[in-house]
Amino acid sequence: MGNYFPEGYQTQNLSRGGLDFYPEVLLEAYNSGHQVAHHTSAHLRLSNTTSEALQKDTAMLKKTFNSLLGTSPTYFRAPYVGHQISQEHASVLAALGIQNIIGWSVSTEDWKEARAQLHV
């Protein structure tokens, strides 16, 4: 089983900045029993993000998840390694139904190379 933390703009069948992501891949992962969770819609750096901006971003991603999956995940992992979630941000996420915040401290650095075909 895998864990998927897609950004919102990647879960839509759109092309932004040359990045294409197909929602059927996310749906297939979810239907196969993999965990799908929040990662912000716009890959926000939370240390520079207001609670209002986080609320708007996460609500938009929640709407996208509901549209694609019929449900919205209750897990959240912040972008950027080593970033702590403030109590204020945790409260915003909790109000949106996010019950589990996952911390992380090691980056796979898989973003350094354009290897999307290897992962899809």
PDB file of N, CA and C in Angstrom:
ATOM      1  N   MET A   1       0.831  -1.179   0.000  1.00  0.00           N
ATOM      2  CA  MET A   1       0.000   0.000   0.000  1.00  0.00           C
ATOM      3  C   MET A   1       0.875   1.241   0.000  1.00  0.00           C
ATOM      4  N   GLY A   2       0.395   2.245  -0.680  1.00  0.00           N
ATOM      5  CA  GLY A   2       1.126   3.499  -0.751  1.00  0.00           C
ATOM      6  C   GLY A   2       0.331   4.638  -0.142  1.00  0.00           C
ATOM      7  N   ASN A   3       1.005   5.732   0.070  1.00  0.00           N
ATOM      8  CA  ASN A   3       0.378   6.958   0.551  1.00  0.00           C
ATOM      9  C   ASN A   3       0.543   8.012  -0.526  1.00  0.00           C
ATOM     10  N   TYR A   4      -0.547   8.648  -0.916  1.00  0.00           N
ATOM     11  CA  TYR A   4      -0.519   9.669  -1.952  1.00  0.00           C
ATOM     12  C   TYR A   4      -0.945  11.003  -1.357  1.00  0.00           C
ATOM     13  N   PHE A   5      -0.117  12.010  -1.557  1.00  0.00           N
ATOM     14  CA  PHE A   5      -0.374  13.350  -1.056  1.00  0.00           C
ATOM     15  C   PHE A   5      -0.376  14.320  -2.242  1.00  0.00           C
ATOM     16  N   PRO A   6      -1.402  14.261  -3.079  1.00  0.00           N
ATOM     17  CA  PRO A   6      -1.405  15.123  -4.267  1.00  0.00           C
ATOM     18  C   PRO A   6      -1.718  16.566  -3.926  1.00  0.00           C
ATOM     19  N   GLU A   7      -1.176  17.454  -4.709  1.00  0.00           N
ATOM     20  CA  GLU A   7      -1.542  18.861  -4.628  1.00  0.00           C
ATOM     21  C   GLU A   7      -2.832  19.038  -5.416  1.00  0.00           C
ATOM     22  N   GLY A   8      -3.640  19.981  -5.002  1.00  0.00           N
ATOM     23  CA  GLY A   8      -4.937  20.160  -5.623  1.00  0.00           C
ATOM     24  C   GLY A   8      -4.890  20.454  -7.100  1.00  0.00           C
ATOM     25  N   TYR A   9      -3.984  21.323  -7.515  1.00  0.00           N
ATOM     26  CA  TYR A   9      -3.975  21.669  -8.930  1.00  0.00           C
ATOM     27  C   TYR A   9      -3.524  20.492  -9.769  1.00  0.00           C
ATOM     28  N   GLN A  10      -2.938  19.484  -9.161  1.00  0.00           N
ATOM     29  CA  GLN A  10      -2.571  18.286  -9.903  1.00  0.00           C
ATOM     30  C   GLN A  10      -3.719  17.294  -9.979  1.00  0.00           C
ATOM     31  N   THR A  11      -4.738  17.440  -9.155  1.00  0.00           N
ATOM     32  CA  THR A  11      -5.823  16.467  -9.154  1.00  0.00           C
ATOM     33  C   THR A  11      -6.902  16.820 -10.161  1.00  0.00           C
ATOM     34  N   GLN A  12      -6.774  17.961 -10.804  1.00  0.00           N
ATOM     35  CA  GLN A  12      -7.739  18.364 -11.811  1.00  0.00           C
ATOM     36  C   GLN A  12      -7.187  18.041 -13.190  1.00  0.00           C
ATOM     37  N   ASN A  13      -8.073  17.765 -14.126  1.00  0.00           N
ATOM     38  CA  ASN A  13      -7.644  17.423 -15.475  1.00  0.00           C
ATOM     39  C   ASN A  13      -7.324  18.708 -16.234  1.00  0.00           C
ATOM     40  N   LEU A  14      -6.325  19.404 -15.760  1.00  0.00           N
ATOM     41  CA  LEU A  14      -5.907  20.685 -16.316  1.00  0.00           C
ATOM     42  C   LEU A  14      -4.412  20.647 -16.574  1.00  0.00           C
ATOM     43  N   SER A  15      -3.948  21.600 -17.351  1.00  0.00           N
ATOM     44  CA  SER A  15      -2.513  21.750 -17.544  1.00  0.00           C
ATOM     45  C   SER A  15      -2.142  23.119 -17.018  1.00  0.00           C
ATOM     46  N   ARG A  16      -1.282  23.141 -16.034  1.00  0.00           N
ATOM     47  CA  ARG A  16      -0.804  24.410 -15.475  1.00  0.00           C
ATOM     48  C   ARG A  16       0.705  24.355 -15.450  1.00  0.00           C
ATOM     49  N   GLY A  17       1.321  25.263 -16.135  1.00  0.00           N
ATOM     50  CA  GLY A  17       2.770  25.299 -16.152  1.00  0.00           C
ATOM     51  C   GLY A  17       3.379  24.043 -16.734  1.00  0.00           C
ATOM     52  N   GLY A  18       2.671  23.396 -17.654  1.00  0.00           N
ATOM     53  CA  GLY A  18       3.181  22.196 -18.289  1.00  0.00           C
ATOM     54  C   GLY A  18       2.981  20.934 -17.477  1.00  0.00           C
ATOM     55  N   LEU A  19       2.331  21.024 -16.309  1.00  0.00           N
ATOM     56  CA  LEU A  19       2.132  19.870 -15.440  1.00  0.00           C
ATOM     57  C   LEU A  19       0.748  19.283 -15.701  1.00  0.00           C
ATOM     58  N   ASP A  20       0.714  18.060 -16.155  1.00  0.00           N
ATOM     59  CA  ASP A  20      -0.552  17.359 -16.381  1.00  0.00           C
ATOM     60  C   ASP A  20      -0.684  16.240 -15.366  1.00  0.00           C
ATOM     61  N   PHE A  21      -1.852  16.095 -14.807  1.00  0.00           N
ATOM     62  CA  PHE A  21      -2.130  14.990 -13.904  1.00  0.00           C
ATOM     63  C   PHE A  21      -3.527  14.499 -14.221  1.00  0.00           C
ATOM     64  N   TYR A  22      -3.714  13.234 -14.237  1.00  0.00           N
ATOM     65  CA  TYR A  22      -4.999  12.665 -14.599  1.00  0.00           C
ATOM     66  C   TYR A  22      -5.739  12.175 -13.366  1.00  0.00           C
ATOM     67  N   PRO A  23      -6.934  12.682 -13.125  1.00  0.00           N
ATOM     68  CA  PRO A  23      -7.670  12.321 -11.910  1.00  0.00           C
ATOM     69  C   PRO A  23      -7.967  10.830 -11.818  1.00  0.00           C
ATOM     70  N   GLU A  24      -8.036  10.130 -12.962  1.00  0.00           N
ATOM     71  CA  GLU A  24      -8.313   8.699 -12.907  1.00  0.00           C
ATOM     72  C   GLU A  24      -7.180   7.929 -12.215  1.00  0.00           C
ATOM     73  N   VAL A  25      -5.968   8.462 -12.229  1.00  0.00           N
ATOM     74  CA  VAL A  25      -4.856   7.818 -11.523  1.00  0.00           C
ATOM     75  C   VAL A  25      -5.098   7.894 -10.016  1.00  0.00           C
ATOM     76  N   LEU A  26      -5.522   9.053  -9.537  1.00  0.00           N
ATOM     77  CA  LEU A  26      -5.832   9.223  -8.115  1.00  0.00           C
ATOM     78  C   LEU A  26      -7.003   8.331  -7.722  1.00  0.00           C
ATOM     79  N   LEU A  27      -8.028   8.285  -8.549  1.00  0.00           N
ATOM     80  CA  LEU A  27      -9.198   7.457  -8.266  1.00  0.00           C
ATOM     81  C   LEU A  27      -8.819   5.977  -8.233  1.00  0.00           C
ATOM     82  N   GLU A  28      -7.981   5.552  -9.167  1.00  0.00           N
ATOM     83  CA  GLU A  28      -7.536   4.162  -9.192  1.00  0.00           C
ATOM     84  C   GLU A  28      -6.743   3.822  -7.926  1.00  0.00           C
ATOM     85  N   ALA A  29      -5.861   4.724  -7.507  1.00  0.00           N
ATOM     86  CA  ALA A  29      -5.088   4.498  -6.278  1.00  0.00           C
ATOM     87  C   ALA A  29      -6.027   4.364  -5.082  1.00  0.00           C
ATOM     88  N   TYR A  30      -6.979   5.270  -4.986  1.00  0.00           N
ATOM     89  CA  TYR A  30      -7.934   5.253  -3.868  1.00  0.00           C
ATOM     90  C   TYR A  30      -8.762   3.963  -3.878  1.00  0.00           C
ATOM     91  N   ASN A  31      -9.288   3.611  -5.055  1.00  0.00           N
ATOM     92  CA  ASN A  31     -10.125   2.412  -5.168  1.00  0.00           C
ATOM     93  C   ASN A  31      -9.336   1.126  -4.948  1.00  0.00           C
ATOM     94  N   SER A  32      -8.027   1.186  -5.087  1.00  0.00           N
ATOM     95  CA  SER A  32      -7.172   0.021  -4.858  1.00  0.00           C
ATOM     96  C   SER A  32      -6.757  -0.111  -3.386  1.00  0.00           C
ATOM     97  N   GLY A  33      -7.218   0.816  -2.554  1.00  0.00           N
ATOM     98  CA  GLY A  33      -6.949   0.730  -1.130  1.00  0.00           C
ATOM     99  C   GLY A  33      -5.775   1.556  -0.633  1.00  0.00           C
ATOM    100  N   HIS A  34      -5.166   2.345  -1.523  1.00  0.00           N
ATOM    101  CA  HIS A  34      -4.067   3.208  -1.093  1.00  0.00           C
ATOM    102  C   HIS A  34      -4.622   4.407  -0.341  1.00  0.00           C
ATOM    103  N   GLN A  35      -3.829   4.946   0.543  1.00  0.00           N
ATOM    104  CA  GLN A  35      -4.237   6.129   1.283  1.00  0.00           C
ATOM    105  C   GLN A  35      -4.002   7.370   0.428  1.00  0.00           C
ATOM    106  N   VAL A  36      -5.015   8.212   0.354  1.00  0.00           N
ATOM    107  CA  VAL A  36      -4.926   9.490  -0.340  1.00  0.00           C
ATOM    108  C   VAL A  36      -5.171  10.559   0.714  1.00  0.00           C
ATOM    109  N   ALA A  37      -4.320  11.593   0.742  1.00  0.00           N
ATOM    110  CA  ALA A  37      -4.435  12.587   1.800  1.00  0.00           C
ATOM    111  C   ALA A  37      -4.147  13.994   1.290  1.00  0.00           C
ATOM    112  N   HIS A  38      -4.470  14.971   2.114  1.00  0.00           N
ATOM    113  CA  HIS A  38      -4.264  16.381   1.791  1.00  0.00           C
ATOM    114  C   HIS A  38      -2.787  16.762   1.817  1.00  0.00           C
ATOM    115  N   HIS A  39      -2.421  17.681   0.928  1.00  0.00           N
ATOM    116  CA  HIS A  39      -1.039  18.190   0.846  1.00  0.00           C
ATOM    117  C   HIS A  39      -1.044  19.663   0.434  1.00  0.00           C
ATOM    118  N   THR A  40      -2.140  20.327   0.598  1.00  0.00           N
ATOM    119  CA  THR A  40      -2.481  21.679   0.147  1.00  0.00           C
ATOM    120  C   THR A  40      -2.723  21.693  -1.356  1.00  0.00           C
ATOM    121  N   SER A  41      -3.489  22.635  -1.780  1.00  0.00           N
ATOM    122  CA  SER A  41      -3.822  22.739  -3.195  1.00  0.00           C
ATOM    123  C   SER A  41      -2.685  23.354  -3.991  1.00  0.00           C
ATOM    124  N   ALA A  42      -2.010  24.328  -3.403  1.00  0.00           N
ATOM    125  CA  ALA A  42      -0.992  25.091  -4.133  1.00  0.00           C
ATOM    126  C   ALA A  42       0.422  24.868  -3.583  1.00  0.00           C
ATOM    127  N   HIS A  43       0.638  23.767  -2.867  1.00  0.00           N
ATOM    128  CA  HIS A  43       1.946  23.446  -2.292  1.00  0.00           C
ATOM    129  C   HIS A  43       2.477  24.611  -1.453  1.00  0.00           C
ATOM    130  N   LEU A  44       1.661  25.013  -0.496  1.00  0.00           N
ATOM    131  CA  LEU A  44       1.963  26.174   0.345  1.00  0.00           C
ATOM    132  C   LEU A  44       3.126  25.920   1.298  1.00  0.00           C
ATOM    133  N   ARG A  45       3.928  26.933   1.490  1.00  0.00           N
ATOM    134  CA  ARG A  45       4.947  26.913   2.545  1.00  0.00           C
ATOM    135  C   ARG A  45       4.251  27.480   3.788  1.00  0.00           C
ATOM    136  N   LEU A  46       3.870  26.605   4.708  1.00  0.00           N
ATOM    137  CA  LEU A  46       3.005  27.009   5.820  1.00  0.00           C
ATOM    138  C   LEU A  46       3.627  28.043   6.737  1.00  0.00           C
ATOM    139  N   SER A  47       4.939  28.104   6.805  1.00  0.00           N
ATOM    140  CA  SER A  47       5.571  29.114   7.654  1.00  0.00           C
ATOM    141  C   SER A  47       5.292  30.529   7.144  1.00  0.00           C
ATOM    142  N   ASN A  48       4.899  30.647   5.890  1.00  0.00           N
ATOM    143  CA  ASN A  48       4.588  31.950   5.294  1.00  0.00           C
ATOM    144  C   ASN A  48       3.120  32.075   4.910  1.00  0.00           C
ATOM    145  N   THR A  49       2.267  31.223   5.462  1.00  0.00           N
ATOM    146  CA  THR A  49       0.863  31.171   5.060  1.00  0.00           C
ATOM    147  C   THR A  49      -0.033  31.564   6.220  1.00  0.00           C
ATOM    148  N   THR A  50      -0.968  32.452   5.955  1.00  0.00           N
ATOM    149  CA  THR A  50      -1.929  32.836   6.984  1.00  0.00           C
ATOM    150  C   THR A  50      -2.950  31.714   7.170  1.00  0.00           C
ATOM    151  N   SER A  51      -3.617  31.735   8.292  1.00  0.00           N
ATOM    152  CA  SER A  51      -4.667  30.751   8.556  1.00  0.00           C
ATOM    153  C   SER A  51      -5.798  30.878   7.543  1.00  0.00           C
ATOM    154  N   GLU A  52      -6.098  32.105   7.146  1.00  0.00           N
ATOM    155  CA  GLU A  52      -7.157  32.333   6.165  1.00  0.00           C
ATOM    156  C   GLU A  52      -6.792  31.715   4.815  1.00  0.00           C
ATOM    157  N   ALA A  53      -5.540  31.878   4.405  1.00  0.00           N
ATOM    158  CA  ALA A  53      -5.089  31.313   3.132  1.00  0.00           C
ATOM    159  C   ALA A  53      -5.099  29.788   3.188  1.00  0.00           C
ATOM    160  N   LEU A  54      -4.678  29.213   4.314  1.00  0.00           N
ATOM    161  CA  LEU A  54      -4.693  27.765   4.473  1.00  0.00           C
ATOM    162  C   LEU A  54      -6.124  27.242   4.434  1.00  0.00           C
ATOM    163  N   GLN A  55      -7.033  27.947   5.086  1.00  0.00           N
ATOM    164  CA  GLN A  55      -8.432  27.526   5.104  1.00  0.00           C
ATOM    165  C   GLN A  55      -9.007  27.522   3.683  1.00  0.00           C
ATOM    166  N   LYS A  56      -8.761  28.571   2.946  1.00  0.00           N
ATOM    167  CA  LYS A  56      -9.280  28.671   1.573  1.00  0.00           C
ATOM    168  C   LYS A  56      -8.678  27.579   0.686  1.00  0.00           C
ATOM    169  N   ASP A  57      -7.367  27.388   0.775  1.00  0.00           N
ATOM    170  CA  ASP A  57      -6.663  26.397  -0.029  1.00  0.00           C
ATOM    171  C   ASP A  57      -7.159  24.987   0.286  1.00  0.00           C
ATOM    172  N   THR A  58      -7.264  24.657   1.564  1.00  0.00           N
ATOM    173  CA  THR A  58      -7.662  23.312   1.969  1.00  0.00           C
ATOM    174  C   THR A  58      -9.128  23.049   1.654  1.00  0.00           C
ATOM    175  N   ALA A  59      -9.983  24.056   1.805  1.00  0.00           N
ATOM    176  CA  ALA A  59     -11.397  23.896   1.454  1.00  0.00           C
ATOM    177  C   ALA A  59     -11.547  23.603  -0.037  1.00  0.00           C
ATOM    178  N   MET A  60     -10.739  24.258  -0.867  1.00  0.00           N
ATOM    179  CA  MET A  60     -10.773  24.020  -2.310  1.00  0.00           C
ATOM    180  C   MET A  60     -10.331  22.584  -2.612  1.00  0.00           C
ATOM    181  N   LEU A  61      -9.269  22.118  -1.954  1.00  0.00           N
ATOM    182  CA  LEU A  61      -8.792  20.757  -2.176  1.00  0.00           C
ATOM    183  C   LEU A  61      -9.818  19.740  -1.666  1.00  0.00           C
ATOM    184  N   LYS A  62     -10.440  20.036  -0.534  1.00  0.00           N
ATOM    185  CA  LYS A  62     -11.472  19.149   0.006  1.00  0.00           C
ATOM    186  C   LYS A  62     -12.621  18.999  -0.990  1.00  0.00           C
ATOM    187  N   LYS A  63     -13.006  20.090  -1.608  1.00  0.00           N
ATOM    188  CA  LYS A  63     -14.070  20.059  -2.617  1.00  0.00           C
ATOM    189  C   LYS A  63     -13.653  19.193  -3.807  1.00  0.00           C
ATOM    190  N   THR A  64     -12.404  19.301  -4.224  1.00  0.00           N
ATOM    191  CA  THR A  64     -11.896  18.497  -5.332  1.00  0.00           C
ATOM    192  C   THR A  64     -11.907  17.020  -4.970  1.00  0.00           C
ATOM    193  N   PHE A  65     -11.433  16.688  -3.767  1.00  0.00           N
ATOM    194  CA  PHE A  65     -11.457  15.291  -3.325  1.00  0.00           C
ATOM    195  C   PHE A  65     -12.888  14.755  -3.298  1.00  0.00           C
ATOM    196  N   ASN A  66     -13.809  15.535  -2.740  1.00  0.00           N
ATOM    197  CA  ASN A  66     -15.201  15.100  -2.677  1.00  0.00           C
ATOM    198  C   ASN A  66     -15.765  14.843  -4.069  1.00  0.00           C
ATOM    199  N   SER A  67     -15.410  15.696  -5.005  1.00  0.00           N
ATOM    200  CA  SER A  67     -15.879  15.544  -6.378  1.00  0.00           C
ATOM    201  C   SER A  67     -15.321  14.276  -7.023  1.00  0.00           C
ATOM    202  N   LEU A  68     -14.054  13.998  -6.804  1.00  0.00           N
ATOM    203  CA  LEU A  68     -13.405  12.846  -7.435  1.00  0.00           C
ATOM    204  C   LEU A  68     -13.679  11.529  -6.725  1.00  0.00           C
ATOM    205  N   LEU A  69     -13.625  11.554  -5.390  1.00  0.00           N
ATOM    206  CA  LEU A  69     -13.656  10.321  -4.618  1.00  0.00           C
ATOM    207  C   LEU A  69     -14.964  10.084  -3.879  1.00  0.00           C
ATOM    208  N   GLY A  70     -15.786  11.123  -3.767  1.00  0.00           N
ATOM    209  CA  GLY A  70     -17.010  11.009  -2.986  1.00  0.00           C
ATOM    210  C   GLY A  70     -16.772  11.164  -1.495  1.00  0.00           C
ATOM    211  N   THR A  71     -15.553  11.497  -1.132  1.00  0.00           N
ATOM    212  CA  THR A  71     -15.173  11.695   0.268  1.00  0.00           C
ATOM    213  C   THR A  71     -13.935  12.580   0.301  1.00  0.00           C
ATOM    214  N   SER A  72     -13.611  13.070   1.469  1.00  0.00           N
ATOM    215  CA  SER A  72     -12.402  13.872   1.624  1.00  0.00           C
ATOM    216  C   SER A  72     -11.522  13.243   2.689  1.00  0.00           C
ATOM    217  N   PRO A  73     -10.234  13.087   2.423  1.00  0.00           N
ATOM    218  CA  PRO A  73      -9.336  12.461   3.390  1.00  0.00           C
ATOM    219  C   PRO A  73      -9.279  13.213   4.720  1.00  0.00           C
ATOM    220  N   THR A  74      -8.943  12.480   5.752  1.00  0.00           N
ATOM    221  CA  THR A  74      -8.811  13.083   7.078  1.00  0.00           C
ATOM    222  C   THR A  74      -7.349  13.221   7.490  1.00  0.00           C
ATOM    223  N   TYR A  75      -6.432  12.883   6.582  1.00  0.00           N
ATOM    224  CA  TYR A  75      -4.998  13.014   6.837  1.00  0.00           C
ATOM    225  C   TYR A  75      -4.432  14.207   6.067  1.00  0.00           C
ATOM    226  N   PHE A  76      -3.377  14.804   6.630  1.00  0.00           N
ATOM    227  CA  PHE A  76      -2.726  15.968   6.028  1.00  0.00           C
ATOM    228  C   PHE A  76      -1.221  15.871   6.246  1.00  0.00           C
ATOM    229  N   ARG A  77      -0.470  16.128   5.201  1.00  0.00           N
ATOM    230  CA  ARG A  77       0.989  16.253   5.325  1.00  0.00           C
ATOM    231  C   ARG A  77       1.385  17.563   4.681  1.00  0.00           C
ATOM    232  N   ALA A  78       2.058  18.390   5.432  1.00  0.00           N
ATOM    233  CA  ALA A  78       2.469  19.701   4.927  1.00  0.00           C
ATOM    234  C   ALA A  78       3.566  19.559   3.882  1.00  0.00           C
ATOM    235  N   PRO A  79       3.566  20.449   2.892  1.00  0.00           N
ATOM    236  CA  PRO A  79       4.684  20.490   1.953  1.00  0.00           C
ATOM    237  C   PRO A  79       5.965  20.933   2.674  1.00  0.00           C
ATOM    238  N   TYR A  80       7.068  20.602   2.121  1.00  0.00           N
ATOM    239  CA  TYR A  80       8.403  21.018   2.589  1.00  0.00           C
ATOM    240  C   TYR A  80       8.792  20.288   3.874  1.00  0.00           C
ATOM    241  N   VAL A  81       9.891  19.607   3.789  1.00  0.00           N
ATOM    242  CA  VAL A  81      10.392  18.770   4.872  1.00  0.00           C
ATOM    243  C   VAL A  81      10.679  19.592   6.142  1.00  0.00           C
ATOM    244  N   GLY A  82      10.340  19.012   7.277  1.00  0.00           N
ATOM    245  CA  GLY A  82      10.687  19.597   8.558  1.00  0.00           C
ATOM    246  C   GLY A  82       9.813  20.737   9.041  1.00  0.00           C
ATOM    247  N   HIS A  83       8.765  21.096   8.302  1.00  0.00           N
ATOM    248  CA  HIS A  83       7.914  22.207   8.737  1.00  0.00           C
ATOM    249  C   HIS A  83       6.928  21.730   9.796  1.00  0.00           C
ATOM    250  N   GLN A  84       6.883  22.463  10.868  1.00  0.00           N
ATOM    251  CA  GLN A  84       5.956  22.161  11.946  1.00  0.00           C
ATOM    252  C   GLN A  84       4.625  22.870  11.675  1.00  0.00           C
ATOM    253  N   ILE A  85       3.551  22.263  12.073  1.00  0.00           N
ATOM    254  CA  ILE A  85       2.219  22.847  11.934  1.00  0.00           C
ATOM    255  C   ILE A  85       1.933  23.630  13.211  1.00  0.00           C
ATOM    256  N   SER A  86       1.600  24.904  13.061  1.00  0.00           N
ATOM    257  CA  SER A  86       1.267  25.711  14.234  1.00  0.00           C
ATOM    258  C   SER A  86      -0.080  25.264  14.799  1.00  0.00           C
ATOM    259  N   GLN A  87      -0.324  25.596  16.047  1.00  0.00           N
ATOM    260  CA  GLN A  87      -1.612  25.262  16.666  1.00  0.00           C
ATOM    261  C   GLN A  87      -2.755  25.942  15.919  1.00  0.00           C
ATOM    262  N   GLU A  88      -2.522  27.148  15.479  1.00  0.00           N
ATOM    263  CA  GLU A  88      -3.544  27.888  14.720  1.00  0.00           C
ATOM    264  C   GLU A  88      -3.871  27.165  13.415  1.00  0.00           C
ATOM    265  N   HIS A  89      -2.841  26.715  12.690  1.00  0.00           N
ATOM    266  CA  HIS A  89      -3.068  25.974  11.454  1.00  0.00           C
ATOM    267  C   HIS A  89      -3.738  24.625  11.737  1.00  0.00           C
ATOM    268  N   ALA A  90      -3.340  23.969  12.821  1.00  0.00           N
ATOM    269  CA  ALA A  90      -3.960  22.695  13.193  1.00  0.00           C
ATOM    270  C   ALA A  90      -5.450  22.884  13.464  1.00  0.00           C
ATOM    271  N   SER A  91      -5.814  23.983  14.082  1.00  0.00           N
ATOM    272  CA  SER A  91      -7.224  24.277  14.350  1.00  0.00           C
ATOM    273  C   SER A  91      -8.000  24.507  13.063  1.00  0.00           C
ATOM    274  N   VAL A  92      -7.385  25.191  12.102  1.00  0.00           N
ATOM    275  CA  VAL A  92      -8.019  25.416  10.787  1.00  0.00           C
ATOM    276  C   VAL A  92      -8.275  24.069  10.122  1.00  0.00           C
ATOM    277  N   LEU A  93      -7.272  23.209  10.129  1.00  0.00           N
ATOM    278  CA  LEU A  93      -7.409  21.903   9.490  1.00  0.00           C
ATOM    279  C   LEU A  93      -8.469  21.054  10.190  1.00  0.00           C
ATOM    280  N   ALA A  94      -8.490  21.088  11.515  1.00  0.00           N
ATOM    281  CA  ALA A  94      -9.483  20.321  12.273  1.00  0.00           C
ATOM    282  C   ALA A  94     -10.899  20.777  11.943  1.00  0.00           C
ATOM    283  N   ALA A  95     -11.086  22.080  11.789  1.00  0.00           N
ATOM    284  CA  ALA A  95     -12.403  22.618  11.447  1.00  0.00           C
ATOM    285  C   ALA A  95     -12.871  22.133  10.071  1.00  0.00           C
ATOM    286  N   LEU A  96     -11.912  21.722   9.216  1.00  0.00           N
ATOM    287  CA  LEU A  96     -12.236  21.211   7.884  1.00  0.00           C
ATOM    288  C   LEU A  96     -12.304  19.676   7.865  1.00  0.00           C
ATOM    289  N   GLY A  97     -12.252  19.060   9.039  1.00  0.00           N
ATOM    290  CA  GLY A  97     -12.403  17.614   9.127  1.00  0.00           C
ATOM    291  C   GLY A  97     -11.119  16.816   9.057  1.00  0.00           C
ATOM    292  N   ILE A  98      -9.993  17.499   9.078  1.00  0.00           N
ATOM    293  CA  ILE A  98      -8.710  16.791   9.053  1.00  0.00           C
ATOM    294  C   ILE A  98      -8.349  16.419  10.484  1.00  0.00           C
ATOM    295  N   GLN A  99      -8.249  15.128  10.727  1.00  0.00           N
ATOM    296  CA  GLN A  99      -8.049  14.614  12.077  1.00  0.00           C
ATOM    297  C   GLN A  99      -6.620  14.182  12.363  1.00  0.00           C
ATOM    298  N   ASN A 100      -5.838  13.990  11.307  1.00  0.00           N
ATOM    299  CA  ASN A 100      -4.489  13.446  11.468  1.00  0.00           C
ATOM    300  C   ASN A 100      -3.490  14.274  10.680  1.00  0.00           C
ATOM    301  N   ILE A 101      -2.502  14.817  11.368  1.00  0.00           N
ATOM    302  CA  ILE A 101      -1.453  15.599  10.725  1.00  0.00           C
ATOM    303  C   ILE A 101      -0.168  14.784  10.785  1.00  0.00           C
ATOM    304  N   ILE A 102       0.393  14.520   9.624  1.00  0.00           N
ATOM    305  CA  ILE A 102       1.580  13.684   9.520  1.00  0.00           C
ATOM    306  C   ILE A 102       2.812  14.568   9.400  1.00  0.00           C
ATOM    307  N   GLY A 103       3.775  14.366  10.271  1.00  0.00           N
ATOM    308  CA  GLY A 103       5.047  15.068  10.197  1.00  0.00           C
ATOM    309  C   GLY A 103       6.045  14.241   9.396  1.00  0.00           C
ATOM    310  N   TRP A 104       7.050  14.894   8.899  1.00  0.00           N
ATOM    311  CA  TRP A 104       8.088  14.176   8.169  1.00  0.00           C
ATOM    312  C   TRP A 104       9.381  14.941   8.247  1.00  0.00           C
ATOM    313  N   SER A 105      10.498  14.226   8.175  1.00  0.00           N
ATOM    314  CA  SER A 105      11.790  14.881   8.333  1.00  0.00           C
ATOM    315  C   SER A 105      12.834  14.432   7.316  1.00  0.00           C
ATOM    316  N   VAL A 106      12.458  13.544   6.406  1.00  0.00           N
ATOM    317  CA  VAL A 106      13.379  13.064   5.385  1.00  0.00           C
ATOM    318  C   VAL A 106      12.733  13.249   4.020  1.00  0.00           C
ATOM    319  N   SER A 107      13.449  13.859   3.101  1.00  0.00           N
ATOM    320  CA  SER A 107      12.937  14.044   1.746  1.00  0.00           C
ATOM    321  C   SER A 107      13.542  13.007   0.814  1.00  0.00           C
ATOM    322  N   THR A 108      12.712  12.432  -0.023  1.00  0.00           N
ATOM    323  CA  THR A 108      13.209  11.492  -1.035  1.00  0.00           C
ATOM    324  C   THR A 108      13.856  12.231  -2.200  1.00  0.00           C
ATOM    325  N   GLU A 109      13.618  13.534  -2.256  1.00  0.00           N
ATOM    326  CA  GLU A 109      14.133  14.394  -3.325  1.00  0.00           C
ATOM    327  C   GLU A 109      13.736  13.880  -4.706  1.00  0.00           C
ATOM    328  N   ASP A 110      12.568  13.235  -4.765  1.00  0.00           N
ATOM    329  CA  ASP A 110      12.085  12.721  -6.037  1.00  0.00           C
ATOM    330  C   ASP A 110      11.665  13.835  -6.996  1.00  0.00           C
ATOM    331  N   TRP A 111      11.562  15.042  -6.484  1.00  0.00           N
ATOM    332  CA  TRP A 111      11.180  16.188  -7.296  1.00  0.00           C
ATOM    333  C   TRP A 111      12.359  16.739  -8.098  1.00  0.00           C
ATOM    334  N   LYS A 112      13.573  16.298  -7.805  1.00  0.00           N
ATOM    335  CA  LYS A 112      14.748  16.860  -8.450  1.00  0.00           C
ATOM    336  C   LYS A 112      14.876  16.475  -9.921  1.00  0.00           C
ATOM    337  N   GLU A 113      14.264  15.385 -10.311  1.00  0.00           N
ATOM    338  CA  GLU A 113      14.345  14.941 -11.691  1.00  0.00           C
ATOM    339  C   GLU A 113      12.945  14.807 -12.260  1.00  0.00           C
ATOM    340  N   ALA A 114      12.832  15.044 -13.538  1.00  0.00           N
ATOM    341  CA  ALA A 114      11.551  14.882 -14.227  1.00  0.00           C
ATOM    342  C   ALA A 114      11.364  13.391 -14.535  1.00  0.00           C
ATOM    343  N   ARG A 115      10.794  12.671 -13.575  1.00  0.00           N
ATOM    344  CA  ARG A 115      10.644  11.229 -13.727  1.00  0.00           C
ATOM    345  C   ARG A 115       9.203  10.796 -13.574  1.00  0.00           C
ATOM    346  N   ALA A 116       8.259  11.629 -13.970  1.00  0.00           N
ATOM    347  CA  ALA A 116       6.848  11.312 -13.739  1.00  0.00           C
ATOM    348  C   ALA A 116       6.455   9.983 -14.364  1.00  0.00           C
ATOM    349  N   GLN A 117       6.947   9.658 -15.522  1.00  0.00           N
ATOM    350  CA  GLN A 117       6.565   8.399 -16.171  1.00  0.00           C
ATOM    351  C   GLN A 117       6.988   7.180 -15.352  1.00  0.00           C
ATOM    352  N   LEU A 118       8.025   7.327 -14.539  1.00  0.00           N
ATOM    353  CA  LEU A 118       8.439   6.219 -13.690  1.00  0.00           C
ATOM    354  C   LEU A 118       7.458   5.972 -12.554  1.00  0.00           C
ATOM    355  N   HIS A 119       6.725   7.021 -12.172  1.00  0.00           N
ATOM    356  CA  HIS A 119       5.832   6.936 -11.017  1.00  0.00           C
ATOM    357  C   HIS A 119       4.391   6.676 -11.411  1.00  0.00           C
ATOM    358  N   VAL A 120       4.027   6.917 -12.643  1.00  0.00           N
ATOM    359  CA  VAL A 120       2.618   6.798 -13.051  1.00  0.00           C
ATOM    360  C   VAL A 120       2.356   5.475 -13.708  1.00  0.00           C
TER     361      VAL A 120
END
